C-alpha atoms as a PDB file:
ATOM      1  CA  MET A   1      14.901 -10.645  -7.113  1.00  0.00           C
ATOM      2  CA  ARG A   2      11.929  -8.487  -8.037  1.00  0.00           C
ATOM      3  CA  ARG A   3      10.195 -11.359  -9.888  1.00  0.00           C
ATOM      4  CA  TRP A   4      10.351 -14.049  -7.219  1.00  0.00           C
ATOM      5  CA  TYR A   5      10.134 -11.772  -4.178  1.00  0.00           C
ATOM      6  CA  PRO A   6       6.296 -11.810  -3.875  1.00  0.00           C
ATOM      7  CA  THR A   7       6.305 -15.612  -3.961  1.00  0.00           C
ATOM      8  CA  LEU A   8       8.948 -15.715  -1.225  1.00  0.00           C
ATOM      9  CA  VAL A   9       6.906 -13.354   0.961  1.00  0.00           C
ATOM     10  CA  VAL A  10       3.781 -15.489   0.486  1.00  0.00           C
ATOM     11  CA  LEU A  11       5.730 -18.594   1.479  1.00  0.00           C
ATOM     12  CA  LEU A  12       7.033 -16.825   4.598  1.00  0.00           C
ATOM     13  CA  ALA A  13       3.491 -15.815   5.561  1.00  0.00           C
ATOM     14  CA  LEU A  14       2.193 -19.358   5.049  1.00  0.00           C
ATOM     15  CA  ALA A  15       5.108 -20.804   7.014  1.00  0.00           C
ATOM     16  CA  ALA A  16       4.406 -18.431   9.914  1.00  0.00           C
ATOM     17  CA  SER A  17       0.717 -19.415   9.874  1.00  0.00           C
ATOM     18  CA  ALA A  18       1.518 -23.119   9.764  1.00  0.00           C
ATOM     19  CA  ALA A  19       4.016 -22.825  12.631  1.00  0.00           C
ATOM     20  CA  ALA A  20       1.569 -20.904  14.827  1.00  0.00           C
ATOM     21  CA  TYR A  21      -1.698 -22.568  13.817  1.00  0.00           C
ATOM     22  CA  GLY A  22      -1.835 -25.172  16.582  1.00  0.00           C
ATOM     23  CA  ARG A  23      -1.391 -22.472  19.247  1.00  0.00           C
ATOM     24  CA  LEU A  24      -3.842 -19.957  17.820  1.00  0.00           C
ATOM     25  CA  PRO A  25      -7.171 -19.432  19.615  1.00  0.00           C
ATOM     26  CA  GLU A  26     -10.442 -20.332  17.919  1.00  0.00           C
ATOM     27  CA  ARG A  27     -11.316 -16.607  17.721  1.00  0.00           C
ATOM     28  CA  MET A  28      -8.488 -14.347  16.674  1.00  0.00           C
ATOM     29  CA  PRO A  29      -8.118 -10.553  16.726  1.00  0.00           C
ATOM     30  CA  THR A  30      -8.287  -9.291  13.163  1.00  0.00           C
ATOM     31  CA  HIS A  31      -8.903  -5.551  13.556  1.00  0.00           C
ATOM     32  CA  TRP A  32      -7.785  -2.749  15.882  1.00  0.00           C
ATOM     33  CA  ASN A  33      -9.404   0.629  16.438  1.00  0.00           C
ATOM     34  CA  ALA A  34      -7.585   3.955  16.473  1.00  0.00           C
ATOM     35  CA  ALA A  35      -6.755   3.522  20.167  1.00  0.00           C
ATOM     36  CA  GLY A  36      -4.999   0.236  19.441  1.00  0.00           C
ATOM     37  CA  GLU A  37      -7.748  -1.850  21.032  1.00  0.00           C
ATOM     38  CA  VAL A  38      -8.999  -5.021  19.368  1.00  0.00           C
ATOM     39  CA  ASP A  39     -12.483  -4.401  17.985  1.00  0.00           C
ATOM     40  CA  GLY A  40     -12.820  -7.225  15.475  1.00  0.00           C
ATOM     41  CA  HIS A  41     -12.386 -10.982  15.619  1.00  0.00           C
ATOM     42  CA  GLY A  42     -12.427 -13.837  13.143  1.00  0.00           C
ATOM     43  CA  SER A  43     -12.045 -17.573  13.077  1.00  0.00           C
ATOM     44  CA  ARG A  44      -8.641 -19.190  13.448  1.00  0.00           C
ATOM     45  CA  LEU A  45      -8.754 -20.263   9.806  1.00  0.00           C
ATOM     46  CA  MET A  46      -9.529 -16.749   8.605  1.00  0.00           C
ATOM     47  CA  GLY A  47      -6.965 -15.121  10.879  1.00  0.00           C
ATOM     48  CA  ALA A  48      -4.245 -17.514   9.797  1.00  0.00           C
ATOM     49  CA  PHE A  49      -4.837 -17.565   6.046  1.00  0.00           C
ATOM     50  CA  LEU A  50      -6.864 -14.522   4.917  1.00  0.00           C
ATOM     51  CA  LEU A  51      -3.888 -12.194   4.493  1.00  0.00           C
ATOM     52  CA  PRO A  52      -1.639 -14.882   2.966  1.00  0.00           C
ATOM     53  CA  GLY A  53      -4.463 -15.522   0.487  1.00  0.00           C
ATOM     54  CA  LEU A  54      -4.594 -11.829  -0.367  1.00  0.00           C
ATOM     55  CA  MET A  55      -0.825 -11.780  -0.753  1.00  0.00           C
ATOM     56  CA  LEU A  56      -1.014 -14.815  -3.052  1.00  0.00           C
ATOM     57  CA  LEU A  57      -3.565 -12.982  -5.195  1.00  0.00           C
ATOM     58  CA  MET A  58      -1.256  -9.970  -5.429  1.00  0.00           C
ATOM     59  CA  ALA A  59       1.689 -12.185  -6.339  1.00  0.00           C
ATOM     60  CA  ALA A  60      -0.396 -13.611  -9.176  1.00  0.00           C
ATOM     61  CA  LEU A  61      -1.415 -10.143 -10.356  1.00  0.00           C
ATOM     62  CA  VAL A  62       2.140  -8.790 -10.575  1.00  0.00           C
ATOM     63  CA  PRO A  63       2.979 -10.545 -13.878  1.00  0.00           C
ATOM     64  CA  LEU A  64      -0.643 -10.481 -15.098  1.00  0.00           C
ATOM     65  CA  LEU A  65      -1.398  -6.751 -15.007  1.00  0.00           C
ATOM     66  CA  PRO A  66       1.115  -5.726 -17.720  1.00  0.00           C
ATOM     67  CA  ARG A  67      -0.281  -8.440 -19.993  1.00  0.00           C
ATOM     68  CA  ILE A  68      -3.901  -7.336 -19.757  1.00  0.00           C
ATOM     69  CA  ASP A  69      -3.207  -3.592 -19.724  1.00  0.00           C
ATOM     70  CA  PRO A  70      -3.957  -2.045 -23.158  1.00  0.00           C
ATOM     71  CA  ARG A  71      -0.847   0.057 -22.595  1.00  0.00           C
ATOM     72  CA  GLY A  72       1.237  -2.884 -21.454  1.00  0.00           C
ATOM     73  CA  ALA A  73       4.195  -1.899 -23.628  1.00  0.00           C
ATOM     74  CA  SER A  74       4.815   1.142 -21.412  1.00  0.00           C
ATOM     75  CA  TYR A  75       5.716  -1.126 -18.465  1.00  0.00           C
ATOM     76  CA  GLU A  76       9.084  -1.755 -20.097  1.00  0.00           C
ATOM     77  CA  GLU A  77       9.921   1.873 -19.333  1.00  0.00           C
ATOM     78  CA  PHE A  78       9.259   1.556 -15.593  1.00  0.00           C
ATOM     79  CA  ARG A  79       9.285  -2.169 -14.849  1.00  0.00           C
ATOM     80  CA  PRO A  80      11.735  -1.960 -11.882  1.00  0.00           C
ATOM     81  CA  THR A  81       9.555   0.761 -10.342  1.00  0.00           C
ATOM     82  CA  TYR A  82       6.414  -1.306 -10.899  1.00  0.00           C
ATOM     83  CA  HIS A  83       7.931  -4.345  -9.186  1.00  0.00           C
ATOM     84  CA  LEU A  84       9.300  -2.269  -6.315  1.00  0.00           C
ATOM     85  CA  VAL A  85       5.873  -0.775  -5.559  1.00  0.00           C
ATOM     86  CA  MET A  86       4.113  -4.133  -5.721  1.00  0.00           C
ATOM     87  CA  ASN A  87       6.797  -5.771  -3.563  1.00  0.00           C
ATOM     88  CA  ALA A  88       6.446  -3.005  -0.985  1.00  0.00           C
ATOM     89  CA  VAL A  89       2.680  -3.553  -0.772  1.00  0.00           C
ATOM     90  CA  VAL A  90       3.134  -7.303  -0.311  1.00  0.00           C
ATOM     91  CA  THR A  91       5.755  -6.643   2.371  1.00  0.00           C
ATOM     92  CA  LEU A  92       3.363  -4.397   4.281  1.00  0.00           C
ATOM     93  CA  LEU A  93       0.731  -7.150   4.170  1.00  0.00           C
ATOM     94  CA  LEU A  94       3.303  -9.565   5.597  1.00  0.00           C
ATOM     95  CA  VAL A  95       4.026  -7.167   8.461  1.00  0.00           C
ATOM     96  CA  VAL A  96       0.304  -6.839   9.221  1.00  0.00           C
ATOM     97  CA  HIS A  97      -0.056 -10.622   9.104  1.00  0.00           C
ATOM     98  CA  LEU A  98       2.784 -11.123  11.581  1.00  0.00           C
ATOM     99  CA  VAL A  99       1.179  -8.527  13.867  1.00  0.00           C
ATOM    100  CA  VAL A 100      -2.100 -10.467  13.734  1.00  0.00           C
ATOM    101  CA  LEU A 101      -0.377 -13.742  14.578  1.00  0.00           C
ATOM    102  CA  ALA A 102       1.699 -12.237  17.381  1.00  0.00           C
ATOM    103  CA  SER A 103      -1.346 -10.617  18.945  1.00  0.00           C
ATOM    104  CA  ALA A 104      -3.329 -13.847  18.720  1.00  0.00           C
ATOM    105  CA  LEU A 105      -0.502 -15.698  20.481  1.00  0.00           C
ATOM    106  CA  GLY A 106      -0.796 -13.329  23.440  1.00  0.00           C
ATOM    107  CA  HIS A 107       2.043 -10.903  22.731  1.00  0.00           C
ATOM    108  CA  ASP A 108       1.500  -7.246  23.577  1.00  0.00           C
ATOM    109  CA  VAL A 109       1.908  -5.765  20.108  1.00  0.00           C
ATOM    110  CA  PRO A 110       1.348  -2.047  19.387  1.00  0.00           C
ATOM    111  CA  ALA A 111      -0.585  -3.005  16.261  1.00  0.00           C
ATOM    112  CA  THR A 112      -1.965   0.400  15.321  1.00  0.00           C
ATOM    113  CA  ARG A 113       1.411   2.105  15.734  1.00  0.00           C
ATOM    114  CA  ILE A 114       3.219  -0.527  13.658  1.00  0.00           C
ATOM    115  CA  ILE A 115       0.636  -0.312  10.890  1.00  0.00           C
ATOM    116  CA  LEU A 116       0.833   3.491  10.891  1.00  0.00           C
ATOM    117  CA  VAL A 117       4.595   3.362  10.429  1.00  0.00           C
ATOM    118  CA  GLY A 118       4.234   0.741   7.697  1.00  0.00           C
ATOM    119  CA  VAL A 119       1.643   2.759   5.802  1.00  0.00           C
ATOM    120  CA  GLY A 120       3.673   5.944   6.228  1.00  0.00           C
ATOM    121  CA  LEU A 121       6.825   4.365   4.829  1.00  0.00           C
ATOM    122  CA  LEU A 122       4.845   2.861   1.955  1.00  0.00           C
ATOM    123  CA  LEU A 123       3.454   6.291   1.089  1.00  0.00           C
ATOM    124  CA  VAL A 124       6.966   7.773   1.201  1.00  0.00           C
ATOM    125  CA  LEU A 125       8.225   5.083  -1.168  1.00  0.00           C
ATOM    126  CA  ILE A 126       5.303   5.470  -3.569  1.00  0.00           C
ATOM    127  CA  GLY A 127       5.710   9.234  -3.509  1.00  0.00           C
ATOM    128  CA  ALA A 128       9.380   8.930  -4.393  1.00  0.00           C
ATOM    129  CA  LEU A 129       8.623   6.499  -7.237  1.00  0.00           C
ATOM    130  CA  LEU A 130       5.552   8.119  -8.795  1.00  0.00           C
ATOM    131  CA  PRO A 131       7.559  10.381 -11.142  1.00  0.00           C
ATOM    132  CA  ARG A 132       9.136   7.276 -12.708  1.00  0.00           C
ATOM    133  CA  MET A 133       5.815   5.741 -13.753  1.00  0.00           C
ATOM    134  CA  ARG A 134       4.653   5.923 -17.338  1.00  0.00           C
ATOM    135  CA  PRO A 135       1.076   6.064 -18.664  1.00  0.00           C
ATOM    136  CA  ASN A 136      -0.869   2.874 -18.029  1.00  0.00           C
ATOM    137  CA  TRP A 137      -4.345   1.840 -16.924  1.00  0.00           C
ATOM    138  CA  MET A 138      -3.464  -0.056 -13.724  1.00  0.00           C
ATOM    139  CA  ILE A 139      -1.249   1.917 -11.346  1.00  0.00           C
ATOM    140  CA  GLY A 140      -0.461   5.560 -10.783  1.00  0.00           C
ATOM    141  CA  ILE A 141      -2.650   8.675 -10.877  1.00  0.00           C
ATOM    142  CA  ARG A 142      -5.124   7.625 -13.548  1.00  0.00           C
ATOM    143  CA  THR A 143      -7.539  10.407 -14.407  1.00  0.00           C
ATOM    144  CA  PRO A 144      -9.111  11.334 -17.755  1.00  0.00           C
ATOM    145  CA  TRP A 145      -6.588  14.166 -17.991  1.00  0.00           C
ATOM    146  CA  THR A 146      -3.409  12.200 -17.224  1.00  0.00           C
ATOM    147  CA  LEU A 147      -4.446   9.403 -19.583  1.00  0.00           C
ATOM    148  CA  SER A 148      -5.124  11.860 -22.399  1.00  0.00           C
ATOM    149  CA  SER A 149      -1.687  13.470 -22.369  1.00  0.00           C
ATOM    150  CA  GLU A 150       1.750  12.093 -21.555  1.00  0.00           C
ATOM    151  CA  ARG A 151       2.952  15.550 -20.538  1.00  0.00           C
ATOM    152  CA  VAL A 152       0.028  15.950 -18.111  1.00  0.00           C
ATOM    153  CA  TRP A 153       0.790  12.470 -16.779  1.00  0.00           C
ATOM    154  CA  GLN A 154       4.405  13.408 -16.109  1.00  0.00           C
ATOM    155  CA  ARG A 155       3.596  16.756 -14.501  1.00  0.00           C
ATOM    156  CA  THR A 156       0.869  15.256 -12.327  1.00  0.00           C
ATOM    157  CA  HIS A 157       3.079  12.411 -11.144  1.00  0.00           C
ATOM    158  CA  ARG A 158       5.830  14.817 -10.147  1.00  0.00           C
ATOM    159  CA  VAL A 159       3.435  16.913  -8.081  1.00  0.00           C
ATOM    160  CA  GLY A 160       1.463  13.894  -6.850  1.00  0.00           C
ATOM    161  CA  GLY A 161       4.709  12.246  -5.813  1.00  0.00           C
ATOM    162  CA  MET A 162       5.638  15.214  -3.635  1.00  0.00           C
ATOM    163  CA  LEU A 163       2.166  15.259  -2.084  1.00  0.00           C
ATOM    164  CA  MET A 164       2.247  11.525  -1.397  1.00  0.00           C
ATOM    165  CA  LEU A 165       5.750  11.703   0.048  1.00  0.00           C
ATOM    166  CA  ALA A 166       4.642  14.512   2.369  1.00  0.00           C
ATOM    167  CA  ALA A 167       1.612  12.468   3.439  1.00  0.00           C
ATOM    168  CA  GLY A 168       3.910   9.545   4.216  1.00  0.00           C
ATOM    169  CA  VAL A 169       6.238  11.654   6.322  1.00  0.00           C
ATOM    170  CA  VAL A 170       3.284  13.116   8.236  1.00  0.00           C
ATOM    171  CA  THR A 171       1.808   9.643   8.810  1.00  0.00           C
ATOM    172  CA  THR A 172       5.123   8.208   9.995  1.00  0.00           C
ATOM    173  CA  LEU A 173       5.650  11.081  12.427  1.00  0.00           C
ATOM    174  CA  ALA A 174       2.047  10.815  13.631  1.00  0.00           C
ATOM    175  CA  ALA A 175       2.733   7.236  14.683  1.00  0.00           C
ATOM    176  CA  ALA A 176       4.876   8.653  17.485  1.00  0.00           C
ATOM    177  CA  LEU A 177       1.964  10.545  19.022  1.00  0.00           C
ATOM    178  CA  PRO A 178       1.167   9.277  22.530  1.00  0.00           C
ATOM    179  CA  ASP A 179      -2.483   8.764  21.559  1.00  0.00           C
ATOM    180  CA  THR A 180      -2.878   6.847  18.313  1.00  0.00           C
ATOM    181  CA  ARG A 181      -6.516   7.915  18.187  1.00  0.00           C
ATOM    182  CA  ARG A 182      -5.184  11.225  16.906  1.00  0.00           C
ATOM    183  CA  ALA A 183      -2.692   9.620  14.558  1.00  0.00           C
ATOM    184  CA  VAL A 184      -5.195   7.593  12.521  1.00  0.00           C
ATOM    185  CA  PRO A 185      -7.227  10.638  11.385  1.00  0.00           C
ATOM    186  CA  VAL A 186      -3.935  12.325  10.486  1.00  0.00           C
ATOM    187  CA  MET A 187      -3.029   9.349   8.275  1.00  0.00           C
ATOM    188  CA  ILE A 188      -6.420   9.267   6.574  1.00  0.00           C
ATOM    189  CA  GLY A 189      -6.598  13.027   6.187  1.00  0.00           C
ATOM    190  CA  SER A 190      -3.102  13.433   4.756  1.00  0.00           C
ATOM    191  CA  ALA A 191      -3.608  10.595   2.268  1.00  0.00           C
ATOM    192  CA  MET A 192      -6.943  12.074   1.144  1.00  0.00           C
ATOM    193  CA  VAL A 193      -5.421  15.530   0.725  1.00  0.00           C
ATOM    194  CA  ALA A 194      -2.572  14.075  -1.340  1.00  0.00           C
ATOM    195  CA  ALA A 195      -4.925  12.062  -3.555  1.00  0.00           C
ATOM    196  CA  PHE A 196      -7.415  14.901  -4.030  1.00  0.00           C
ATOM    197  CA  GLY A 197      -4.635  17.399  -4.669  1.00  0.00           C
ATOM    198  CA  ALA A 198      -3.146  15.176  -7.375  1.00  0.00           C
ATOM    199  CA  VAL A 199      -6.505  14.759  -9.111  1.00  0.00           C
ATOM    200  CA  VAL A 200      -7.186  18.502  -9.052  1.00  0.00           C
ATOM    201  CA  TYR A 201      -3.696  19.255 -10.315  1.00  0.00           C
ATOM    202  CA  SER A 202      -4.131  16.811 -13.216  1.00  0.00           C
ATOM    203  CA  TYR A 203      -7.128  18.829 -14.393  1.00  0.00           C
ATOM    204  CA  VAL A 204      -5.305  22.141 -13.938  1.00  0.00           C
ATOM    205  CA  ALA A 205      -2.298  20.842 -15.894  1.00  0.00           C
ATOM    206  CA  TRP A 206      -4.581  19.588 -18.659  1.00  0.00           C
ATOM    207  CA  ARG A 207      -6.373  22.944 -18.898  1.00  0.00           C
ATOM    208  CA  GLN A 208      -3.034  24.724 -19.106  1.00  0.00           C
ATOM    209  CA  GLU A 209      -1.957  22.430 -21.929  1.00  0.00           C
ATOM    210  CA  GLN A 210      -5.175  23.091 -23.851  1.00  0.00           C
ATOM    211  CA  ARG A 211      -4.418  26.814 -23.906  1.00  0.00           C
ATOM    212  CA  HIS A 212      -1.127  26.295 -25.745  1.00  0.00           C
END
């Protein structure tokens, strides 16, 4: 399933666009602000096919990245995890695409809240899976210190996974706030704290290893 899943999701997105295309307005909503109000528009063609095009690109990259990664052999140690993360990202793009189409067709869709929940759940999943990843140049917490030591990589991905999982839980809960204008900064802030914390920890772990 993990190999053909991205292709299936792309086909679903294209089918949804094709089914709705004749009823879509010439100018479609393509972006929402923190309050959930539409603040960006695009052409019908862009609104219907931009995200499916991005999803198609991701589907093409899934088998390509391990082949062009100098450390491609390490993917064999975490291939199910790699596919699960990539499939989750493609799924989130499909959800966003369906939100765009539904909004363009006149449905009252809480776009910002749905996207917040989607991003939060994705962060939770990535946080849970980070410890399973092995050193590579494409995905994970790639710093000079994690890429120089497998032990530092492992330690950083355990800690980074906990930070990312916490950021996902916070983001998901923030989606329930009555005012999404407060939830969006929470999402951005928690993700930045998790990312920055993981980078700092990778250096600390590397320094500790150098002392031994």
